[in-house]
């Protein structure tokens, strides 16, 4: 009888030990998972901090600049309104500057016919361009901390057009 009681006592102690080890392992796994999540968040925040816009202006015109400042930089527009100015800068280069209700620049879009005069895509969006099924190339980069995005698009037509767009992000 004594040995049976001793066996049961040992079995109970062993069971408690197994349960304690199991709980410690669960706690360690949970802590490790939280650490991994924190590391991912930190890395993501750090990456966004490091990612600095390469292309942020066109001929001195920047997003959120006033209409008057933009017009002073680019001169006389071929078409001019309170919402949009259209510039023909050469046979191969046109630009559209869009304004919001308080006359601040919200979009800068420039077209380069046959790519003539267009900056290299690496200086606009960096990294590789993506190809669409029609053969056109594109890439968009958003700078959330700066409140805007930039895109580079090259059409696949016989006379390709490179379009570079800067636009204030919607909030």
C-alpha atoms as a PDB file:
ATOM      1  CA  UNK A   1       0.000   0.000   0.000  1.00  0.00           C
ATOM      2  CA  UNK A   2       2.878   2.316   0.877  1.00  0.00           C
ATOM      3  CA  UNK A   3       4.537   1.770  -2.487  1.00  0.00           C
ATOM      4  CA  UNK A   4       1.276   2.461  -4.297  1.00  0.00           C
ATOM      5  CA  UNK A   5       0.843   5.776  -2.436  1.00  0.00           C
ATOM      6  CA  UNK A   6       4.461   6.616  -3.150  1.00  0.00           C
ATOM      7  CA  UNK A   7       3.925   5.799  -6.846  1.00  0.00           C
ATOM      8  CA  UNK A   8       0.820   8.004  -7.010  1.00  0.00           C
ATOM      9  CA  UNK A   9       2.648  10.839  -5.249  1.00  0.00           C
ATOM     10  CA  UNK A  10       5.513  10.581  -7.757  1.00  0.00           C
ATOM     11  CA  UNK A  11       3.059  10.423 -10.671  1.00  0.00           C
ATOM     12  CA  UNK A  12       1.261  13.560  -9.458  1.00  0.00           C
ATOM     13  CA  UNK A  13       4.584  15.407  -8.995  1.00  0.00           C
ATOM     14  CA  UNK A  14       5.718  14.270 -12.447  1.00  0.00           C
ATOM     15  CA  UNK A  15       2.412  15.461 -13.966  1.00  0.00           C
ATOM     16  CA  UNK A  16       2.834  18.861 -12.299  1.00  0.00           C
ATOM     17  CA  UNK A  17       6.382  19.045 -13.642  1.00  0.00           C
ATOM     18  CA  UNK A  18       5.192  18.232 -17.189  1.00  0.00           C
ATOM     19  CA  UNK A  19       2.401  20.850 -16.961  1.00  0.00           C
ATOM     20  CA  UNK A  20       4.864  23.479 -15.657  1.00  0.00           C
ATOM     21  CA  UNK A  21       7.341  22.739 -18.457  1.00  0.00           C
ATOM     22  CA  UNK A  22       4.521  22.916 -21.004  1.00  0.00           C
ATOM     23  CA  UNK A  23       3.347  26.309 -19.640  1.00  0.00           C
ATOM     24  CA  UNK A  24       6.917  27.664 -19.685  1.00  0.00           C
ATOM     25  CA  UNK A  25       7.324  26.553 -23.315  1.00  0.00           C
ATOM     26  CA  UNK A  26       4.035  28.230 -24.287  1.00  0.00           C
ATOM     27  CA  UNK A  27       5.076  31.438 -22.529  1.00  0.00           C
ATOM     28  CA  UNK A  28       8.456  31.384 -24.306  1.00  0.00           C
ATOM     29  CA  UNK A  29       6.833  30.779 -27.691  1.00  0.00           C
ATOM     30  CA  UNK A  30       4.376  33.634 -27.097  1.00  0.00           C
ATOM     31  CA  UNK A  31       7.169  35.989 -26.060  1.00  0.00           C
ATOM     32  CA  UNK A  32       9.224  34.971 -29.104  1.00  0.00           C
ATOM     33  CA  UNK A  33       6.222  35.595 -31.366  1.00  0.00           C
ATOM     34  CA  UNK A  34       5.711  39.040 -29.850  1.00  0.00           C
ATOM     35  CA  UNK A  35       9.420  39.786 -30.293  1.00  0.00           C
ATOM     36  CA  UNK A  36       9.215  38.726 -33.947  1.00  0.00           C
ATOM     37  CA  UNK A  37       6.158  40.946 -34.474  1.00  0.00           C
ATOM     38  CA  UNK A  38       7.945  43.866 -32.817  1.00  0.00           C
ATOM     39  CA  UNK A  39      11.032  43.226 -34.981  1.00  0.00           C
ATOM     40  CA  UNK A  40       8.911  43.229 -38.145  1.00  0.00           C
ATOM     41  CA  UNK A  41       7.197  46.482 -37.104  1.00  0.00           C
ATOM     42  CA  UNK A  42      10.546  48.066 -36.278  1.00  0.00           C
ATOM     43  CA  UNK A  43      12.063  46.944 -39.576  1.00  0.00           C
ATOM     44  CA  UNK A  44       9.060  48.249 -41.523  1.00  0.00           C
ATOM     45  CA  UNK A  45       9.196  51.621 -39.758  1.00  0.00           C
ATOM     46  CA  UNK A  46      12.961  51.808 -40.253  1.00  0.00           C
ATOM     47  CA  UNK A  47      12.631  50.974 -43.957  1.00  0.00           C
ATOM     48  CA  UNK A  48      10.049  53.729 -44.412  1.00  0.00           C
ATOM     49  CA  UNK A  49      12.344  56.172 -42.578  1.00  0.00           C
ATOM     50  CA  UNK A  50      15.296  55.259 -44.789  1.00  0.00           C
ATOM     51  CA  UNK A  51      13.317  55.367 -48.034  1.00  0.00           C
ATOM     52  CA  UNK A  52      13.869  58.907 -49.220  1.00  0.00           C
ATOM     53  CA  UNK A  53      12.194  60.251 -52.341  1.00  0.00           C
ATOM     54  CA  UNK A  54      14.618  60.530 -55.227  1.00  0.00           C
ATOM     55  CA  UNK A  55      12.334  62.463 -57.555  1.00  0.00           C
ATOM     56  CA  UNK A  56      10.354  65.148 -55.786  1.00  0.00           C
ATOM     57  CA  UNK A  57      10.099  68.084 -58.183  1.00  0.00           C
ATOM     58  CA  UNK A  58       9.878  69.011 -61.846  1.00  0.00           C
ATOM     59  CA  UNK A  59      11.729  72.086 -63.108  1.00  0.00           C
ATOM     60  CA  UNK A  60      11.564  73.573 -59.607  1.00  0.00           C
ATOM     61  CA  UNK A  61       7.838  72.898 -59.173  1.00  0.00           C
ATOM     62  CA  UNK A  62       6.973  70.886 -56.060  1.00  0.00           C
ATOM     63  CA  UNK A  63       3.764  69.463 -54.659  1.00  0.00           C
ATOM     64  CA  UNK A  64       1.899  71.841 -52.291  1.00  0.00           C
ATOM     65  CA  UNK A  65       3.548  74.862 -53.921  1.00  0.00           C
ATOM     66  CA  UNK A  66       1.147  77.725 -54.668  1.00  0.00           C
ATOM     67  CA  UNK A  67      -0.259  78.230 -58.162  1.00  0.00           C
ATOM     68  CA  UNK A  68       1.629  81.528 -58.451  1.00  0.00           C
ATOM     69  CA  UNK A  69       4.958  79.903 -57.488  1.00  0.00           C
ATOM     70  CA  UNK A  70       4.463  77.077 -60.014  1.00  0.00           C
ATOM     71  CA  UNK A  71       3.546  79.477 -62.794  1.00  0.00           C
ATOM     72  CA  UNK A  72       6.592  81.617 -62.001  1.00  0.00           C
ATOM     73  CA  UNK A  73       8.807  78.519 -62.430  1.00  0.00           C
ATOM     74  CA  UNK A  74       7.241  77.259 -65.679  1.00  0.00           C
ATOM     75  CA  UNK A  75       6.154  80.461 -67.439  1.00  0.00           C
ATOM     76  CA  UNK A  76       3.146  80.805 -69.725  1.00  0.00           C
ATOM     77  CA  UNK A  77       0.904  77.769 -70.059  1.00  0.00           C
ATOM     78  CA  UNK A  78      -0.684  76.730 -73.360  1.00  0.00           C
ATOM     79  CA  UNK A  79      -3.892  76.192 -71.371  1.00  0.00           C
ATOM     80  CA  UNK A  80      -4.486  77.832 -68.010  1.00  0.00           C
ATOM     81  CA  UNK A  81      -7.293  77.499 -65.439  1.00  0.00           C
ATOM     82  CA  UNK A  82      -7.818  77.463 -61.693  1.00  0.00           C
ATOM     83  CA  UNK A  83      -7.729  73.648 -61.731  1.00  0.00           C
ATOM     84  CA  UNK A  84      -5.083  72.787 -64.334  1.00  0.00           C
ATOM     85  CA  UNK A  85      -2.277  74.314 -66.341  1.00  0.00           C
ATOM     86  CA  UNK A  86      -1.034  72.566 -69.497  1.00  0.00           C
ATOM     87  CA  UNK A  87       2.470  73.378 -70.739  1.00  0.00           C
ATOM     88  CA  UNK A  88       4.075  72.529 -74.074  1.00  0.00           C
ATOM     89  CA  UNK A  89       7.766  72.820 -73.269  1.00  0.00           C
ATOM     90  CA  UNK A  90       9.069  71.301 -76.514  1.00  0.00           C
ATOM     91  CA  UNK A  91       7.917  69.018 -79.331  1.00  0.00           C
ATOM     92  CA  UNK A  92       8.727  66.067 -77.046  1.00  0.00           C
ATOM     93  CA  UNK A  93       7.776  67.367 -73.583  1.00  0.00           C
ATOM     94  CA  UNK A  94       4.457  68.452 -72.088  1.00  0.00           C
ATOM     95  CA  UNK A  95       3.447  68.970 -68.469  1.00  0.00           C
ATOM     96  CA  UNK A  96       0.186  69.204 -66.584  1.00  0.00           C
ATOM     97  CA  UNK A  97       0.027  70.870 -63.180  1.00  0.00           C
ATOM     98  CA  UNK A  98      -3.203  70.311 -61.230  1.00  0.00           C
ATOM     99  CA  UNK A  99      -4.346  72.489 -58.333  1.00  0.00           C
ATOM    100  CA  UNK A 100      -6.731  71.964 -55.447  1.00  0.00           C
ATOM    101  CA  UNK A 101      -9.455  74.372 -54.279  1.00  0.00           C
ATOM    102  CA  UNK A 102      -6.948  76.539 -52.386  1.00  0.00           C
ATOM    103  CA  UNK A 103      -4.680  76.757 -55.471  1.00  0.00           C
ATOM    104  CA  UNK A 104      -1.905  74.453 -54.258  1.00  0.00           C
ATOM    105  CA  UNK A 105      -0.149  71.975 -56.580  1.00  0.00           C
ATOM    106  CA  UNK A 106      -1.563  68.474 -56.021  1.00  0.00           C
ATOM    107  CA  UNK A 107      -0.405  66.733 -59.213  1.00  0.00           C
ATOM    108  CA  UNK A 108       2.540  67.127 -61.561  1.00  0.00           C
ATOM    109  CA  UNK A 109       2.400  64.928 -64.650  1.00  0.00           C
ATOM    110  CA  UNK A 110       4.978  65.130 -67.423  1.00  0.00           C
ATOM    111  CA  UNK A 111       4.926  63.323 -70.798  1.00  0.00           C
ATOM    112  CA  UNK A 112       8.071  62.713 -72.846  1.00  0.00           C
ATOM    113  CA  UNK A 113       7.334  61.593 -76.422  1.00  0.00           C
ATOM    114  CA  UNK A 114       9.651  58.767 -77.481  1.00  0.00           C
ATOM    115  CA  UNK A 115      11.269  59.146 -74.057  1.00  0.00           C
ATOM    116  CA  UNK A 116      13.255  62.157 -75.315  1.00  0.00           C
ATOM    117  CA  UNK A 117      14.473  64.187 -72.339  1.00  0.00           C
ATOM    118  CA  UNK A 118      12.952  61.842 -69.754  1.00  0.00           C
ATOM    119  CA  UNK A 119      15.032  61.152 -66.666  1.00  0.00           C
ATOM    120  CA  UNK A 120      16.232  57.583 -66.193  1.00  0.00           C
ATOM    121  CA  UNK A 121      13.623  55.546 -64.316  1.00  0.00           C
ATOM    122  CA  UNK A 122      16.232  54.734 -61.634  1.00  0.00           C
ATOM    123  CA  UNK A 123      16.327  58.415 -60.693  1.00  0.00           C
ATOM    124  CA  UNK A 124      12.532  58.525 -60.478  1.00  0.00           C
ATOM    125  CA  UNK A 125      11.432  55.280 -58.793  1.00  0.00           C
ATOM    126  CA  UNK A 126      14.637  53.220 -58.366  1.00  0.00           C
ATOM    127  CA  UNK A 127      14.600  49.443 -58.656  1.00  0.00           C
ATOM    128  CA  UNK A 128      13.244  47.406 -61.526  1.00  0.00           C
ATOM    129  CA  UNK A 129      10.188  48.358 -63.559  1.00  0.00           C
ATOM    130  CA  UNK A 130       7.237  45.980 -63.841  1.00  0.00           C
ATOM    131  CA  UNK A 131       5.975  44.875 -67.252  1.00  0.00           C
ATOM    132  CA  UNK A 132       2.296  44.743 -68.160  1.00  0.00           C
ATOM    133  CA  UNK A 133       0.946  42.138 -70.600  1.00  0.00           C
ATOM    134  CA  UNK A 134       0.896  44.762 -73.382  1.00  0.00           C
ATOM    135  CA  UNK A 135       4.648  45.343 -72.961  1.00  0.00           C
ATOM    136  CA  UNK A 136       4.386  48.710 -71.224  1.00  0.00           C
ATOM    137  CA  UNK A 137       6.577  49.323 -68.191  1.00  0.00           C
ATOM    138  CA  UNK A 138       5.627  50.956 -64.917  1.00  0.00           C
ATOM    139  CA  UNK A 139       6.390  51.404 -61.250  1.00  0.00           C
ATOM    140  CA  UNK A 140       4.830  53.458 -58.472  1.00  0.00           C
ATOM    141  CA  UNK A 141       6.451  54.316 -55.148  1.00  0.00           C
ATOM    142  CA  UNK A 142       4.505  55.790 -52.257  1.00  0.00           C
ATOM    143  CA  UNK A 143       6.184  57.908 -49.603  1.00  0.00           C
ATOM    144  CA  UNK A 144       3.562  57.839 -46.850  1.00  0.00           C
ATOM    145  CA  UNK A 145       5.629  59.854 -44.396  1.00  0.00           C
ATOM    146  CA  UNK A 146       6.037  62.572 -47.041  1.00  0.00           C
ATOM    147  CA  UNK A 147       2.388  62.413 -48.181  1.00  0.00           C
ATOM    148  CA  UNK A 148       2.881  61.705 -51.897  1.00  0.00           C
ATOM    149  CA  UNK A 149       3.561  59.069 -54.528  1.00  0.00           C
ATOM    150  CA  UNK A 150       5.545  59.057 -57.759  1.00  0.00           C
ATOM    151  CA  UNK A 151       5.074  56.835 -60.785  1.00  0.00           C
ATOM    152  CA  UNK A 152       7.003  56.068 -63.953  1.00  0.00           C
ATOM    153  CA  UNK A 153       5.113  54.698 -66.971  1.00  0.00           C
ATOM    154  CA  UNK A 154       6.447  53.874 -70.425  1.00  0.00           C
ATOM    155  CA  UNK A 155       3.914  52.942 -73.089  1.00  0.00           C
ATOM    156  CA  UNK A 156       4.494  50.040 -75.474  1.00  0.00           C
ATOM    157  CA  UNK A 157       3.419  51.917 -78.607  1.00  0.00           C
ATOM    158  CA  UNK A 158       5.618  52.426 -81.688  1.00  0.00           C
ATOM    159  CA  UNK A 159       6.319  55.942 -80.428  1.00  0.00           C
ATOM    160  CA  UNK A 160       6.532  55.276 -76.690  1.00  0.00           C
ATOM    161  CA  UNK A 161       5.560  57.963 -74.229  1.00  0.00           C
ATOM    162  CA  UNK A 162       7.187  58.154 -70.811  1.00  0.00           C
ATOM    163  CA  UNK A 163       4.877  59.652 -68.196  1.00  0.00           C
ATOM    164  CA  UNK A 164       6.178  60.673 -64.790  1.00  0.00           C
ATOM    165  CA  UNK A 165       3.589  61.648 -62.205  1.00  0.00           C
ATOM    166  CA  UNK A 166       3.943  63.110 -58.724  1.00  0.00           C
ATOM    167  CA  UNK A 167       0.744  63.332 -56.708  1.00  0.00           C
ATOM    168  CA  UNK A 168      -0.305  64.211 -53.175  1.00  0.00           C
ATOM    169  CA  UNK A 169      -1.621  61.089 -51.413  1.00  0.00           C
ATOM    170  CA  UNK A 170      -5.274  61.077 -50.449  1.00  0.00           C
ATOM    171  CA  UNK A 171      -5.849  61.079 -46.715  1.00  0.00           C
END
